[in-house]
Amino acid sequence: MAGHSFLRRGKYDEAIVAFSIAIEQDSDNVAAYLGRGASHHRAGNYERAVADFDTALNLDELNLKAYWYRADCRASLNQVDSAVLDYRQAISLQPRNPQLYCNRAFCYEKLELFDKAVADYSRAIELDPDNHKYFYYRGGAHYLAGRLELAIQDFSTSICLKPRDSYSFLARGLAYERLEMHVSAQADLDQAILLNGKIAQGYDRAQNVSK
């Protein structure tokens, strides 16, 4: 399908036209609705994307991608409760996909349901224990919940898995700072800046938010 080629190359307007032609030729073409929805999503047309994923699910109620992509769009539209429901459906169809748990955890964080976010990040870690990002994200949920010691543990594991991850050093430094462990905080900040000079700006913004 020509639309997929345009989509891969980032030509979203052309992709939308191509998928629309495919839909005109076959109104039951699930792949075309998914492709056009994905093109709208990447172009930032989230409501149009949701409409296409709705149609895809009307045609195929067990379509994993339609639930997943619609959830992503709903999260972008700040329809967080609806996004959680879609991720739940996607997880029921592919329960061993760690990214689905991670995405749902992001939504739980927006809802300030930090225990649920931690549970989903923990499941993602069980499924992919070598991915430093899941430890970093879980540390962030602990941080937001005020569980600073647990946050530090997760940020430290993230650093062990990816020693040059500047953002894990920054996050751990912020947690140390909140615990008034200033020497450790400064050491982590120095390391973060050494790895990524732009981190200093991020540190300043984070400090302003946390005050």
N, C-alpha and C. Protein backbone atom coordinates (compact mmCIF):
# COMPACT_ATOMS: atom_id res chain seq x y z
N MET A 1 0.85 -1.19 0.00
CA MET A 1 0.00 0.00 0.00
C MET A 1 0.89 1.25 0.00
N ALA A 2 0.63 2.16 -0.94
CA ALA A 2 1.49 3.33 -1.12
C ALA A 2 1.54 4.19 0.14
N GLY A 3 0.47 4.23 0.89
CA GLY A 3 0.43 5.06 2.09
C GLY A 3 1.50 4.72 3.09
N HIS A 4 1.82 3.43 3.21
CA HIS A 4 2.83 3.02 4.17
C HIS A 4 4.20 3.58 3.81
N SER A 5 4.49 3.64 2.51
CA SER A 5 5.78 4.20 2.08
C SER A 5 5.87 5.68 2.44
N PHE A 6 4.81 6.42 2.21
CA PHE A 6 4.79 7.83 2.59
C PHE A 6 4.91 7.99 4.11
N LEU A 7 4.22 7.15 4.84
CA LEU A 7 4.24 7.23 6.30
C LEU A 7 5.64 7.00 6.83
N ARG A 8 6.33 6.00 6.31
CA ARG A 8 7.69 5.69 6.77
C ARG A 8 8.64 6.85 6.50
N ARG A 9 8.38 7.61 5.42
CA ARG A 9 9.26 8.72 5.04
C ARG A 9 8.84 10.04 5.67
N GLY A 10 7.81 9.99 6.51
CA GLY A 10 7.38 11.20 7.19
C GLY A 10 6.56 12.14 6.34
N LYS A 11 6.06 11.68 5.21
CA LYS A 11 5.22 12.50 4.33
C LYS A 11 3.76 12.22 4.68
N TYR A 12 3.31 12.85 5.74
CA TYR A 12 2.02 12.48 6.32
C TYR A 12 0.84 12.93 5.47
N ASP A 13 0.91 14.09 4.85
CA ASP A 13 -0.20 14.54 4.00
C ASP A 13 -0.39 13.59 2.83
N GLU A 14 0.73 13.21 2.20
CA GLU A 14 0.65 12.27 1.07
C GLU A 14 0.14 10.91 1.54
N ALA A 15 0.56 10.50 2.73
CA ALA A 15 0.10 9.22 3.26
C ALA A 15 -1.40 9.24 3.49
N ILE A 16 -1.90 10.34 4.05
CA ILE A 16 -3.35 10.46 4.31
C ILE A 16 -4.13 10.35 3.00
N VAL A 17 -3.65 11.02 1.95
CA VAL A 17 -4.33 10.94 0.66
C VAL A 17 -4.32 9.51 0.13
N ALA A 18 -3.17 8.85 0.22
CA ALA A 18 -3.06 7.49 -0.30
C ALA A 18 -3.96 6.52 0.46
N PHE A 19 -3.97 6.64 1.78
CA PHE A 19 -4.84 5.75 2.56
C PHE A 19 -6.31 6.06 2.31
N SER A 20 -6.63 7.33 2.11
CA SER A 20 -8.03 7.70 1.82
C SER A 20 -8.49 7.08 0.50
N ILE A 21 -7.62 7.06 -0.49
CA ILE A 21 -7.95 6.42 -1.77
C ILE A 21 -8.19 4.93 -1.55
N ALA A 22 -7.35 4.30 -0.74
CA ALA A 22 -7.53 2.88 -0.45
C ALA A 22 -8.86 2.62 0.25
N ILE A 23 -9.27 3.53 1.12
CA ILE A 23 -10.54 3.38 1.83
C ILE A 23 -11.71 3.56 0.87
N GLU A 24 -11.58 4.49 -0.07
CA GLU A 24 -12.64 4.68 -1.08
C GLU A 24 -12.81 3.42 -1.92
N GLN A 25 -11.71 2.74 -2.16
CA GLN A 25 -11.77 1.52 -2.96
C GLN A 25 -12.30 0.33 -2.17
N ASP A 26 -12.09 0.35 -0.84
CA ASP A 26 -12.56 -0.74 0.02
C ASP A 26 -12.83 -0.17 1.41
N SER A 27 -14.08 0.08 1.70
CA SER A 27 -14.45 0.73 2.96
C SER A 27 -14.27 -0.18 4.17
N ASP A 28 -13.94 -1.45 3.95
CA ASP A 28 -13.69 -2.39 5.05
C ASP A 28 -12.20 -2.67 5.23
N ASN A 29 -11.36 -1.82 4.66
CA ASN A 29 -9.91 -2.04 4.70
C ASN A 29 -9.36 -1.56 6.05
N VAL A 30 -9.22 -2.46 6.99
CA VAL A 30 -8.76 -2.12 8.33
C VAL A 30 -7.36 -1.51 8.30
N ALA A 31 -6.48 -2.09 7.51
CA ALA A 31 -5.10 -1.61 7.44
C ALA A 31 -5.05 -0.16 6.96
N ALA A 32 -5.96 0.21 6.05
CA ALA A 32 -5.96 1.58 5.54
C ALA A 32 -6.42 2.55 6.62
N TYR A 33 -7.42 2.17 7.41
CA TYR A 33 -7.85 3.04 8.52
C TYR A 33 -6.73 3.18 9.55
N LEU A 34 -6.05 2.08 9.84
CA LEU A 34 -4.92 2.15 10.78
C LEU A 34 -3.82 3.06 10.24
N GLY A 35 -3.52 2.90 8.97
CA GLY A 35 -2.47 3.72 8.36
C GLY A 35 -2.82 5.18 8.32
N ARG A 36 -4.08 5.48 7.96
CA ARG A 36 -4.48 6.89 7.93
C ARG A 36 -4.52 7.46 9.35
N GLY A 37 -5.00 6.65 10.28
CA GLY A 37 -5.00 7.10 11.67
C GLY A 37 -3.60 7.37 12.18
N ALA A 38 -2.66 6.49 11.84
CA ALA A 38 -1.27 6.69 12.26
C ALA A 38 -0.69 7.95 11.63
N SER A 39 -1.06 8.22 10.40
CA SER A 39 -0.58 9.43 9.72
C SER A 39 -1.14 10.68 10.38
N HIS A 40 -2.43 10.66 10.69
CA HIS A 40 -3.03 11.78 11.41
C HIS A 40 -2.36 11.97 12.78
N HIS A 41 -2.09 10.85 13.44
CA HIS A 41 -1.45 10.91 14.77
C HIS A 41 -0.10 11.61 14.67
N ARG A 42 0.70 11.18 13.73
CA ARG A 42 2.05 11.75 13.63
C ARG A 42 2.01 13.21 13.18
N ALA A 43 0.95 13.57 12.47
CA ALA A 43 0.80 14.96 12.04
C ALA A 43 0.18 15.82 13.13
N GLY A 44 -0.19 15.20 14.25
CA GLY A 44 -0.79 15.94 15.35
C GLY A 44 -2.29 16.13 15.25
N ASN A 45 -2.92 15.43 14.30
CA ASN A 45 -4.38 15.51 14.14
C ASN A 45 -5.03 14.40 14.97
N TYR A 46 -4.99 14.55 16.28
CA TYR A 46 -5.35 13.44 17.16
C TYR A 46 -6.82 13.05 17.07
N GLU A 47 -7.71 14.02 16.95
CA GLU A 47 -9.13 13.69 16.89
C GLU A 47 -9.46 12.92 15.62
N ARG A 48 -8.88 13.31 14.50
CA ARG A 48 -9.10 12.57 13.25
C ARG A 48 -8.50 11.17 13.35
N ALA A 49 -7.37 11.08 14.01
CA ALA A 49 -6.76 9.77 14.20
C ALA A 49 -7.67 8.87 15.02
N VAL A 50 -8.23 9.39 16.10
CA VAL A 50 -9.14 8.61 16.94
C VAL A 50 -10.32 8.11 16.13
N ALA A 51 -10.86 8.96 15.27
CA ALA A 51 -12.00 8.57 14.44
C ALA A 51 -11.64 7.38 13.55
N ASP A 52 -10.43 7.40 12.99
CA ASP A 52 -10.01 6.28 12.14
C ASP A 52 -9.82 5.01 12.97
N PHE A 53 -9.27 5.14 14.15
CA PHE A 53 -9.08 3.95 14.99
C PHE A 53 -10.42 3.42 15.48
N ASP A 54 -11.38 4.32 15.71
CA ASP A 54 -12.74 3.87 16.05
C ASP A 54 -13.30 2.98 14.94
N THR A 55 -13.15 3.44 13.70
CA THR A 55 -13.66 2.67 12.57
C THR A 55 -12.94 1.34 12.45
N ALA A 56 -11.63 1.35 12.65
CA ALA A 56 -10.86 0.11 12.58
C ALA A 56 -11.37 -0.90 13.61
N LEU A 57 -11.70 -0.41 14.80
CA LEU A 57 -12.18 -1.31 15.85
C LEU A 57 -13.61 -1.77 15.59
N ASN A 58 -14.40 -0.95 14.93
CA ASN A 58 -15.73 -1.40 14.53
C ASN A 58 -15.64 -2.57 13.55
N LEU A 59 -14.59 -2.54 12.72
CA LEU A 59 -14.38 -3.60 11.74
C LEU A 59 -13.65 -4.80 12.33
N ASP A 60 -12.81 -4.55 13.33
CA ASP A 60 -12.00 -5.61 13.93
C ASP A 60 -11.84 -5.29 15.41
N GLU A 61 -12.72 -5.81 16.24
CA GLU A 61 -12.77 -5.41 17.65
C GLU A 61 -11.61 -5.94 18.48
N LEU A 62 -10.77 -6.77 17.91
CA LEU A 62 -9.62 -7.31 18.63
C LEU A 62 -8.30 -6.82 18.03
N ASN A 63 -8.34 -5.67 17.42
CA ASN A 63 -7.14 -5.15 16.76
C ASN A 63 -6.24 -4.45 17.76
N LEU A 64 -5.12 -5.05 18.06
CA LEU A 64 -4.18 -4.52 19.04
C LEU A 64 -3.72 -3.12 18.69
N LYS A 65 -3.28 -2.92 17.46
CA LYS A 65 -2.73 -1.62 17.07
C LYS A 65 -3.76 -0.50 17.21
N ALA A 66 -5.01 -0.79 16.90
CA ALA A 66 -6.04 0.24 16.99
C ALA A 66 -6.22 0.69 18.43
N TYR A 67 -6.26 -0.27 19.37
CA TYR A 67 -6.36 0.11 20.78
C TYR A 67 -5.12 0.89 21.22
N TRP A 68 -3.95 0.41 20.85
CA TRP A 68 -2.69 1.04 21.27
C TRP A 68 -2.60 2.47 20.73
N TYR A 69 -2.81 2.60 19.41
CA TYR A 69 -2.66 3.92 18.81
C TYR A 69 -3.74 4.88 19.31
N ARG A 70 -4.96 4.37 19.50
CA ARG A 70 -6.01 5.25 20.00
C ARG A 70 -5.70 5.71 21.42
N ALA A 71 -5.13 4.80 22.20
CA ALA A 71 -4.73 5.17 23.55
C ALA A 71 -3.68 6.28 23.52
N ASP A 72 -2.70 6.16 22.64
CA ASP A 72 -1.67 7.20 22.52
C ASP A 72 -2.30 8.55 22.17
N CYS A 73 -3.25 8.53 21.23
CA CYS A 73 -3.90 9.77 20.83
C CYS A 73 -4.72 10.35 21.97
N ARG A 74 -5.45 9.52 22.67
CA ARG A 74 -6.28 10.01 23.77
C ARG A 74 -5.41 10.59 24.88
N ALA A 75 -4.27 9.97 25.11
CA ALA A 75 -3.35 10.54 26.10
C ALA A 75 -2.88 11.92 25.65
N SER A 76 -2.60 12.07 24.36
CA SER A 76 -2.16 13.37 23.84
C SER A 76 -3.28 14.41 23.92
N LEU A 77 -4.52 13.96 23.84
CA LEU A 77 -5.67 14.85 23.96
C LEU A 77 -6.06 15.09 25.42
N ASN A 78 -5.27 14.53 26.32
CA ASN A 78 -5.54 14.62 27.76
C ASN A 78 -6.83 13.92 28.16
N GLN A 79 -7.24 12.95 27.37
CA GLN A 79 -8.37 12.09 27.71
C GLN A 79 -7.79 10.85 28.42
N VAL A 80 -7.25 11.10 29.58
CA VAL A 80 -6.37 10.12 30.21
C VAL A 80 -7.14 8.88 30.66
N ASP A 81 -8.32 9.06 31.23
CA ASP A 81 -9.10 7.90 31.67
C ASP A 81 -9.43 6.99 30.50
N SER A 82 -9.79 7.58 29.37
CA SER A 82 -10.09 6.77 28.18
C SER A 82 -8.84 6.08 27.66
N ALA A 83 -7.72 6.78 27.74
CA ALA A 83 -6.46 6.17 27.31
C ALA A 83 -6.13 4.95 28.15
N VAL A 84 -6.35 5.05 29.46
CA VAL A 84 -6.09 3.91 30.36
C VAL A 84 -6.94 2.71 29.95
N LEU A 85 -8.20 2.96 29.62
CA LEU A 85 -9.08 1.85 29.20
C LEU A 85 -8.57 1.20 27.92
N ASP A 86 -8.09 2.01 26.98
CA ASP A 86 -7.57 1.45 25.73
C ASP A 86 -6.29 0.66 25.97
N TYR A 87 -5.41 1.19 26.83
CA TYR A 87 -4.20 0.42 27.13
C TYR A 87 -4.55 -0.90 27.81
N ARG A 88 -5.58 -0.88 28.65
CA ARG A 88 -6.02 -2.13 29.30
C ARG A 88 -6.44 -3.16 28.26
N GLN A 89 -7.18 -2.70 27.26
CA GLN A 89 -7.59 -3.62 26.20
C GLN A 89 -6.37 -4.13 25.42
N ALA A 90 -5.45 -3.23 25.12
CA ALA A 90 -4.25 -3.63 24.39
C ALA A 90 -3.44 -4.64 25.19
N ILE A 91 -3.32 -4.42 26.49
CA ILE A 91 -2.58 -5.33 27.35
C ILE A 91 -3.25 -6.70 27.39
N SER A 92 -4.57 -6.72 27.38
CA SER A 92 -5.27 -8.01 27.39
C SER A 92 -4.98 -8.80 26.12
N LEU A 93 -4.67 -8.09 25.04
CA LEU A 93 -4.36 -8.75 23.77
C LEU A 93 -2.89 -9.11 23.65
N GLN A 94 -2.04 -8.37 24.34
CA GLN A 94 -0.59 -8.64 24.28
C GLN A 94 0.00 -8.40 25.67
N PRO A 95 -0.25 -9.32 26.60
CA PRO A 95 0.10 -9.09 28.01
C PRO A 95 1.59 -9.11 28.33
N ARG A 96 2.42 -9.47 27.37
CA ARG A 96 3.86 -9.52 27.64
C ARG A 96 4.61 -8.42 26.89
N ASN A 97 3.92 -7.36 26.58
CA ASN A 97 4.55 -6.21 25.91
C ASN A 97 4.87 -5.15 26.96
N PRO A 98 6.13 -4.97 27.32
CA PRO A 98 6.46 -4.03 28.40
C PRO A 98 6.12 -2.58 28.08
N GLN A 99 6.17 -2.20 26.80
CA GLN A 99 5.90 -0.80 26.46
C GLN A 99 4.45 -0.41 26.76
N LEU A 100 3.55 -1.36 26.63
CA LEU A 100 2.14 -1.06 26.93
C LEU A 100 1.97 -0.72 28.41
N TYR A 101 2.63 -1.48 29.27
CA TYR A 101 2.55 -1.18 30.70
C TYR A 101 3.19 0.18 30.99
N CYS A 102 4.28 0.46 30.32
CA CYS A 102 4.97 1.74 30.51
C CYS A 102 4.07 2.90 30.09
N ASN A 103 3.41 2.76 28.94
CA ASN A 103 2.54 3.83 28.47
C ASN A 103 1.36 4.04 29.41
N ARG A 104 0.80 2.94 29.92
CA ARG A 104 -0.31 3.10 30.85
C ARG A 104 0.17 3.75 32.13
N ALA A 105 1.38 3.43 32.55
CA ALA A 105 1.94 4.04 33.75
C ALA A 105 2.06 5.56 33.59
N PHE A 106 2.44 6.02 32.39
CA PHE A 106 2.49 7.46 32.15
C PHE A 106 1.13 8.10 32.45
N CYS A 107 0.07 7.41 32.01
CA CYS A 107 -1.28 7.94 32.25
C CYS A 107 -1.60 7.96 33.73
N TYR A 108 -1.24 6.89 34.42
CA TYR A 108 -1.49 6.87 35.86
C TYR A 108 -0.76 8.02 36.57
N GLU A 109 0.43 8.33 36.09
CA GLU A 109 1.15 9.46 36.69
C GLU A 109 0.39 10.77 36.48
N LYS A 110 -0.17 10.95 35.28
CA LYS A 110 -0.95 12.16 35.02
C LYS A 110 -2.16 12.24 35.96
N LEU A 111 -2.70 11.08 36.30
CA LEU A 111 -3.85 11.02 37.21
C LEU A 111 -3.41 11.04 38.67
N GLU A 112 -2.10 11.11 38.89
CA GLU A 112 -1.51 11.09 40.24
C GLU A 112 -1.83 9.80 40.98
N LEU A 113 -1.96 8.72 40.22
CA LEU A 113 -2.15 7.39 40.80
C LEU A 113 -0.78 6.70 40.80
N PHE A 114 0.06 7.14 41.70
CA PHE A 114 1.47 6.74 41.63
C PHE A 114 1.69 5.27 41.96
N ASP A 115 0.89 4.71 42.85
CA ASP A 115 1.05 3.29 43.16
C ASP A 115 0.74 2.43 41.93
N LYS A 116 -0.29 2.80 41.19
CA LYS A 116 -0.61 2.06 39.97
C LYS A 116 0.48 2.25 38.92
N ALA A 117 1.02 3.45 38.85
CA ALA A 117 2.12 3.69 37.91
C ALA A 117 3.32 2.82 38.25
N VAL A 118 3.65 2.77 39.54
CA VAL A 118 4.79 1.94 39.97
C VAL A 118 4.53 0.47 39.65
N ALA A 119 3.30 0.02 39.86
CA ALA A 119 2.98 -1.38 39.56
C ALA A 119 3.17 -1.69 38.08
N ASP A 120 2.76 -0.76 37.22
CA ASP A 120 2.94 -1.00 35.77
C ASP A 120 4.40 -0.93 35.37
N TYR A 121 5.15 0.02 35.92
CA TYR A 121 6.58 0.05 35.62
C TYR A 121 7.27 -1.22 36.11
N SER A 122 6.84 -1.71 37.25
CA SER A 122 7.43 -2.94 37.80
C SER A 122 7.16 -4.12 36.88
N ARG A 123 5.95 -4.16 36.31
CA ARG A 123 5.63 -5.24 35.36
C ARG A 123 6.49 -5.11 34.11
N ALA A 124 6.69 -3.89 33.64
CA ALA A 124 7.55 -3.67 32.47
C ALA A 124 8.97 -4.14 32.77
N ILE A 125 9.43 -3.90 33.99
CA ILE A 125 10.78 -4.33 34.39
C ILE A 125 10.86 -5.84 34.43
N GLU A 126 9.82 -6.50 34.92
CA GLU A 126 9.81 -7.97 34.93
C GLU A 126 9.96 -8.53 33.52
N LEU A 127 9.31 -7.86 32.56
CA LEU A 127 9.32 -8.34 31.18
C LEU A 127 10.59 -7.97 30.43
N ASP A 128 11.22 -6.86 30.84
CA ASP A 128 12.43 -6.39 30.15
C ASP A 128 13.39 -5.79 31.19
N PRO A 129 14.03 -6.65 31.98
CA PRO A 129 14.82 -6.16 33.12
C PRO A 129 16.11 -5.45 32.75
N ASP A 130 16.50 -5.49 31.50
CA ASP A 130 17.73 -4.83 31.08
C ASP A 130 17.50 -3.45 30.48
N ASN A 131 16.26 -3.01 30.46
CA ASN A 131 15.94 -1.70 29.89
C ASN A 131 16.01 -0.65 30.99
N HIS A 132 17.02 0.18 30.93
CA HIS A 132 17.25 1.15 31.99
C HIS A 132 16.11 2.15 32.10
N LYS A 133 15.40 2.42 31.00
CA LYS A 133 14.36 3.44 31.01
C LYS A 133 13.24 3.10 31.99
N TYR A 134 12.92 1.83 32.11
CA TYR A 134 11.81 1.46 32.99
C TYR A 134 12.17 1.73 34.46
N PHE A 135 13.43 1.51 34.81
CA PHE A 135 13.88 1.86 36.17
C PHE A 135 13.85 3.38 36.35
N TYR A 136 14.30 4.10 35.33
CA TYR A 136 14.29 5.56 35.40
C TYR A 136 12.86 6.08 35.58
N TYR A 137 11.94 5.54 34.80
CA TYR A 137 10.55 5.99 34.90
C TYR A 137 9.94 5.62 36.25
N ARG A 138 10.23 4.40 36.72
CA ARG A 138 9.68 4.01 38.02
C ARG A 138 10.26 4.89 39.12
N GLY A 139 11.54 5.22 39.00
CA GLY A 139 12.14 6.14 39.95
C GLY A 139 11.43 7.48 39.95
N GLY A 140 11.04 7.93 38.77
CA GLY A 140 10.31 9.18 38.67
C GLY A 140 8.97 9.12 39.38
N ALA A 141 8.27 7.98 39.27
CA ALA A 141 6.99 7.82 39.96
C ALA A 141 7.19 7.83 41.47
N HIS A 142 8.23 7.14 41.93
CA HIS A 142 8.53 7.17 43.37
C HIS A 142 8.86 8.59 43.82
N TYR A 143 9.61 9.29 42.98
CA TYR A 143 9.98 10.68 43.31
C TYR A 143 8.74 11.54 43.47
N LEU A 144 7.82 11.43 42.53
CA LEU A 144 6.60 12.24 42.58
C LEU A 144 5.75 11.89 43.78
N ALA A 145 5.83 10.62 44.21
CA ALA A 145 5.06 10.18 45.37
C ALA A 145 5.76 10.51 46.69
N GLY A 146 6.97 11.06 46.60
CA GLY A 146 7.71 11.42 47.81
C GLY A 146 8.51 10.29 48.41
N ARG A 147 8.62 9.19 47.70
CA ARG A 147 9.41 8.05 48.19
C ARG A 147 10.83 8.17 47.64
N LEU A 148 11.58 9.05 48.23
CA LEU A 148 12.86 9.45 47.65
C LEU A 148 13.91 8.35 47.71
N GLU A 149 13.94 7.58 48.79
CA GLU A 149 14.93 6.50 48.89
C GLU A 149 14.70 5.45 47.79
N LEU A 150 13.43 5.12 47.54
CA LEU A 150 13.13 4.16 46.47
C LEU A 150 13.45 4.76 45.11
N ALA A 151 13.21 6.05 44.97
CA ALA A 151 13.55 6.71 43.71
C ALA A 151 15.05 6.62 43.46
N ILE A 152 15.84 6.87 44.48
CA ILE A 152 17.30 6.81 44.35
C ILE A 152 17.75 5.41 43.96
N GLN A 153 17.13 4.39 44.54
CA GLN A 153 17.47 3.02 44.18
C GLN A 153 17.23 2.76 42.70
N ASP A 154 16.08 3.22 42.19
CA ASP A 154 15.78 2.99 40.78
C ASP A 154 16.69 3.80 39.86
N PHE A 155 16.95 5.04 40.21
CA PHE A 155 17.86 5.85 39.39
C PHE A 155 19.26 5.23 39.39
N SER A 156 19.66 4.66 40.52
CA SER A 156 20.98 4.02 40.60
C SER A 156 21.03 2.79 39.71
N THR A 157 19.95 2.01 39.68
CA THR A 157 19.91 0.84 38.80
C THR A 157 19.94 1.27 37.35
N SER A 158 19.23 2.35 37.02
CA SER A 158 19.26 2.88 35.66
C SER A 158 20.69 3.25 35.26
N ILE A 159 21.41 3.86 36.19
CA ILE A 159 22.80 4.24 35.91
C ILE A 159 23.67 3.00 35.74
N CYS A 160 23.44 1.98 36.53
CA CYS A 160 24.22 0.74 36.38
C CYS A 160 24.00 0.12 35.00
N LEU A 161 22.75 0.19 34.52
CA LEU A 161 22.44 -0.40 33.22
C LEU A 161 22.92 0.47 32.06
N LYS A 162 22.93 1.79 32.29
CA LYS A 162 23.40 2.72 31.25
C LYS A 162 24.21 3.81 31.93
N PRO A 163 25.50 3.56 32.14
CA PRO A 163 26.34 4.47 32.95
C PRO A 163 26.48 5.88 32.40
N ARG A 164 26.14 6.09 31.15
CA ARG A 164 26.30 7.43 30.58
C ARG A 164 24.95 8.13 30.39
N ASP A 165 23.96 7.70 31.13
CA ASP A 165 22.65 8.33 31.03
C ASP A 165 22.61 9.56 31.93
N SER A 166 22.74 10.71 31.32
CA SER A 166 22.83 11.95 32.09
C SER A 166 21.57 12.24 32.88
N TYR A 167 20.41 11.86 32.34
CA TYR A 167 19.15 12.20 33.01
C TYR A 167 18.95 11.40 34.29
N SER A 168 19.50 10.20 34.34
CA SER A 168 19.41 9.42 35.58
C SER A 168 20.27 10.06 36.67
N PHE A 169 21.43 10.57 36.28
CA PHE A 169 22.26 11.28 37.26
C PHE A 169 21.54 12.54 37.75
N LEU A 170 20.94 13.28 36.81
CA LEU A 170 20.21 14.49 37.20
C LEU A 170 19.07 14.16 38.16
N ALA A 171 18.28 13.13 37.81
CA ALA A 171 17.14 12.77 38.64
C ALA A 171 17.58 12.32 40.03
N ARG A 172 18.65 11.52 40.07
CA ARG A 172 19.14 11.07 41.38
C ARG A 172 19.67 12.25 42.18
N GLY A 173 20.32 13.17 41.49
CA GLY A 173 20.81 14.37 42.18
C GLY A 173 19.68 15.18 42.78
N LEU A 174 18.57 15.31 42.07
CA LEU A 174 17.42 16.04 42.60
C LEU A 174 16.85 15.33 43.82
N ALA A 175 16.83 14.00 43.78
CA ALA A 175 16.33 13.25 44.94
C ALA A 175 17.25 13.44 46.14
N TYR A 176 18.55 13.38 45.89
CA TYR A 176 19.50 13.63 46.99
C TYR A 176 19.32 15.04 47.55
N GLU A 177 19.08 15.99 46.66
CA GLU A 177 18.91 17.38 47.10
C GLU A 177 17.70 17.50 48.02
N ARG A 178 16.62 16.83 47.67
CA ARG A 178 15.42 16.90 48.51
C ARG A 178 15.65 16.24 49.87
N LEU A 179 16.57 15.28 49.90
CA LEU A 179 16.92 14.64 51.18
C LEU A 179 18.02 15.43 51.91
N GLU A 180 18.40 16.56 51.34
CA GLU A 180 19.44 17.42 51.90
C GLU A 180 20.79 16.70 51.99
N MET A 181 21.02 15.81 51.03
CA MET A 181 22.33 15.14 50.90
C MET A 181 23.08 15.91 49.83
N HIS A 182 23.56 17.07 50.19
CA HIS A 182 24.04 18.04 49.22
C HIS A 182 25.32 17.61 48.50
N VAL A 183 26.19 16.91 49.19
CA VAL A 183 27.44 16.46 48.55
C VAL A 183 27.13 15.46 47.44
N SER A 184 26.27 14.49 47.75
CA SER A 184 25.88 13.50 46.74
C SER A 184 25.13 14.16 45.60
N ALA A 185 24.26 15.12 45.93
CA ALA A 185 23.50 15.82 44.90
C ALA A 185 24.44 16.56 43.95
N GLN A 186 25.42 17.24 44.49
CA GLN A 186 26.34 18.00 43.65
C GLN A 186 27.19 17.08 42.78
N ALA A 187 27.58 15.94 43.34
CA ALA A 187 28.38 14.98 42.57
C ALA A 187 27.59 14.47 41.36
N ASP A 188 26.29 14.18 41.58
CA ASP A 188 25.47 13.70 40.47
C ASP A 188 25.22 14.79 39.45
N LEU A 189 25.00 16.00 39.92
CA LEU A 189 24.80 17.11 38.98
C LEU A 189 26.05 17.33 38.14
N ASP A 190 27.22 17.30 38.76
CA ASP A 190 28.47 17.48 38.03
C ASP A 190 28.62 16.40 36.96
N GLN A 191 28.29 15.15 37.32
CA GLN A 191 28.41 14.06 36.36
C GLN A 191 27.40 14.23 35.22
N ALA A 192 26.19 14.66 35.55
CA ALA A 192 25.18 14.88 34.52
C ALA A 192 25.63 15.94 33.53
N ILE A 193 26.20 17.02 34.02
CA ILE A 193 26.67 18.11 33.16
C ILE A 193 27.87 17.64 32.32
N LEU A 194 28.73 16.82 32.93
CA LEU A 194 29.87 16.29 32.19
C LEU A 194 29.41 15.46 31.00
N LEU A 195 28.32 14.69 31.20
CA LEU A 195 27.81 13.84 30.13
C LEU A 195 26.96 14.62 29.13
N ASN A 196 26.35 15.69 29.60
CA ASN A 196 25.43 16.44 28.74
C ASN A 196 25.38 17.88 29.24
N GLY A 197 26.04 18.77 28.53
CA GLY A 197 26.13 20.16 28.97
C GLY A 197 24.78 20.85 29.09
N LYS A 198 23.79 20.39 28.33
CA LYS A 198 22.47 21.00 28.39
C LYS A 198 21.73 20.68 29.69
N ILE A 199 22.26 19.71 30.44
CA ILE A 199 21.60 19.29 31.67
C ILE A 199 21.49 20.45 32.66
N ALA A 200 22.44 21.36 32.65
CA ALA A 200 22.41 22.47 33.61
C ALA A 200 21.12 23.25 33.50
N GLN A 201 20.63 23.47 32.27
CA GLN A 201 19.37 24.18 32.08
C GLN A 201 18.22 23.36 32.64
N GLY A 202 18.24 22.04 32.38
CA GLY A 202 17.19 21.18 32.89
C GLY A 202 17.17 21.15 34.40
N TYR A 203 18.35 21.19 34.99
CA TYR A 203 18.45 21.20 36.46
C TYR A 203 17.82 22.48 37.02
N ASP A 204 18.12 23.59 36.38
CA ASP A 204 17.55 24.86 36.85
C ASP A 204 16.03 24.84 36.77
N ARG A 205 15.48 24.30 35.66
CA ARG A 205 14.02 24.25 35.52
C ARG A 205 13.41 23.35 36.56
N ALA A 206 14.04 22.19 36.79
CA ALA A 206 13.50 21.24 37.75
C ALA A 206 13.55 21.82 39.16
N GLN A 207 14.60 22.54 39.46
CA GLN A 207 14.71 23.16 40.78
C GLN A 207 13.59 24.18 40.98
N ASN A 208 13.30 24.95 39.95
CA ASN A 208 12.25 25.95 40.07
C ASN A 208 10.89 25.30 40.28
N VAL A 209 10.65 24.15 39.62
CA VAL A 209 9.39 23.44 39.78
C VAL A 209 9.25 22.87 41.16
N SER A 210 10.36 22.36 41.72
CA SER A 210 10.30 21.67 43.00
C SER A 210 10.21 22.62 44.18
N LYS A 211 10.46 23.92 43.96
CA LYS A 211 10.44 24.89 45.08
C LYS A 211 9.00 25.23 45.46
